[in-house]
Protein backbone atom coordinates (compact mmCIF):
# COMPACT_ATOMS: atom_id res chain seq x y z
CA MET A 1 -114.18 -103.05 -90.29
CA LEU A 2 -113.81 -103.46 -86.54
CA TYR A 3 -115.89 -101.66 -83.92
CA ARG A 4 -115.40 -101.43 -80.18
CA ARG A 5 -118.50 -100.50 -78.23
CA PRO A 6 -118.15 -97.91 -75.45
CA TYR A 7 -116.58 -99.43 -72.33
CA ALA A 8 -115.99 -102.75 -74.12
CA THR A 9 -112.62 -104.46 -74.26
CA ASP A 10 -113.15 -106.55 -77.39
CA TRP A 11 -113.48 -105.53 -81.03
CA GLU A 12 -116.29 -106.92 -83.16
CA PRO A 13 -116.60 -107.08 -86.95
CA LEU A 14 -118.98 -104.59 -88.52
CA ASP A 15 -119.96 -104.23 -92.17
CA LEU A 16 -119.57 -100.86 -93.89
CA ASP A 17 -123.31 -100.25 -94.36
CA THR A 18 -123.99 -100.70 -90.65
CA ALA A 19 -121.04 -98.44 -89.75
CA MET A 20 -122.22 -95.69 -92.09
CA ASP A 21 -125.76 -95.95 -90.68
CA MET A 22 -124.37 -95.60 -87.15
CA VAL A 23 -122.41 -92.48 -88.13
CA ALA A 24 -125.43 -90.95 -89.85
CA ASP A 25 -127.66 -91.67 -86.84
CA ARG A 26 -125.18 -89.98 -84.52
CA VAL A 27 -124.89 -86.92 -86.76
CA VAL A 28 -128.69 -86.55 -86.97
CA GLU A 29 -129.14 -87.04 -83.22
CA THR A 30 -126.44 -84.50 -82.38
CA ARG A 31 -127.97 -81.99 -84.76
CA ARG A 32 -131.41 -82.45 -83.21
CA ARG A 33 -130.01 -81.92 -79.71
CA THR A 34 -127.73 -78.95 -80.44
CA TRP A 35 -129.20 -77.01 -83.38
CA LYS A 36 -129.96 -73.36 -82.66
CA TRP A 37 -132.76 -72.05 -84.85
CA GLU A 38 -132.17 -68.45 -83.81
CA ARG A 39 -129.17 -66.48 -82.71
CA GLU A 40 -129.61 -63.01 -81.28
CA GLY A 41 -133.10 -62.90 -82.72
CA ILE A 42 -131.99 -63.76 -86.27
CA ARG A 43 -133.18 -67.00 -87.81
CA THR A 44 -130.09 -69.06 -88.67
CA ALA A 45 -131.66 -71.74 -90.88
CA ARG A 46 -132.90 -69.16 -93.39
CA THR A 47 -129.64 -68.56 -95.25
CA GLY A 48 -126.62 -70.64 -96.09
CA ARG A 49 -128.22 -74.00 -95.44
CA PRO A 50 -126.88 -75.72 -98.58
CA ALA A 51 -123.38 -74.49 -97.77
CA ALA A 52 -123.67 -75.65 -94.16
CA VAL A 53 -124.89 -79.09 -95.24
CA GLY A 54 -122.09 -79.34 -97.79
CA ALA A 55 -119.48 -78.33 -95.23
CA GLY A 56 -120.82 -80.86 -92.73
CA LEU A 57 -120.74 -83.66 -95.29
CA ALA A 58 -117.23 -82.69 -96.34
CA LEU A 59 -116.10 -82.76 -92.71
CA LEU A 60 -117.68 -86.17 -92.18
CA ALA A 61 -116.13 -87.58 -95.37
CA GLY A 62 -112.71 -86.17 -94.49
CA SER A 63 -112.71 -87.56 -90.97
CA THR A 64 -113.87 -90.96 -92.23
CA CYS A 65 -111.09 -91.05 -94.83
CA LYS A 66 -108.55 -90.01 -92.21
CA SER A 67 -109.69 -92.80 -89.88
CA PHE A 68 -109.40 -95.39 -92.63
CA GLY A 69 -105.98 -94.02 -93.62
CA ILE A 70 -104.65 -94.28 -90.08
CA PHE A 71 -106.07 -97.78 -89.74
CA ALA A 72 -104.52 -98.88 -93.05
CA ALA A 73 -101.15 -97.37 -92.10
CA GLY A 74 -101.22 -99.25 -88.81
CA ILE A 75 -101.93 -102.54 -90.58
CA ALA A 76 -99.13 -101.89 -93.09
CA SER A 77 -96.58 -101.07 -90.40
CA ALA A 78 -97.59 -104.12 -88.37
CA GLU A 79 -97.07 -106.36 -91.40
CA ASP A 80 -93.50 -105.12 -91.88
CA PRO A 81 -91.47 -105.80 -88.71
CA VAL A 82 -88.68 -103.48 -89.88
CA CYS A 83 -91.05 -100.53 -89.42
CA THR A 84 -92.09 -101.48 -85.89
CA VAL A 85 -89.43 -103.61 -84.24
CA GLY A 86 -86.42 -101.50 -85.26
CA PRO A 87 -87.68 -98.18 -83.87
CA GLN A 88 -88.99 -99.87 -80.71
CA ARG A 89 -85.65 -101.51 -80.02
CA GLY A 90 -83.94 -98.15 -80.50
CA ASP A 91 -86.14 -96.64 -77.76
CA ALA A 92 -85.59 -99.52 -75.31
CA PRO A 93 -84.18 -98.49 -71.89
CA HIS A 94 -81.09 -100.71 -72.23
CA ASN A 95 -80.12 -98.75 -75.36
CA ALA A 96 -80.47 -95.35 -73.66
CA GLU A 97 -76.74 -95.02 -72.94
CA ARG A 98 -75.88 -95.67 -76.61
CA LYS A 99 -78.27 -93.06 -78.01
CA GLU A 100 -77.21 -89.49 -78.55
CA PRO A 101 -79.41 -86.82 -76.94
CA ARG A 102 -82.14 -85.45 -79.15
């Protein structure tokens, strides 16, 4: 997997274990900074914690799968020039007069 550090211009290879550790560290740090133990005088961590943890993990898993899906689709379209070159040529400015309005 490739990773681009904030403000960097180059991508660097990163193994899956390191990437997952980075995601987990960010989730834990964000939770520590933003967690509200009480809301309007009612303790929030008392009820629904397993459901909240499950929902958070499901959200994390879904977003990770979506990212990998988008990445894989980009690789697949880049490998097949028909999927990228054809549509790009159709949108070229010199072809604007030949295209019908959308």
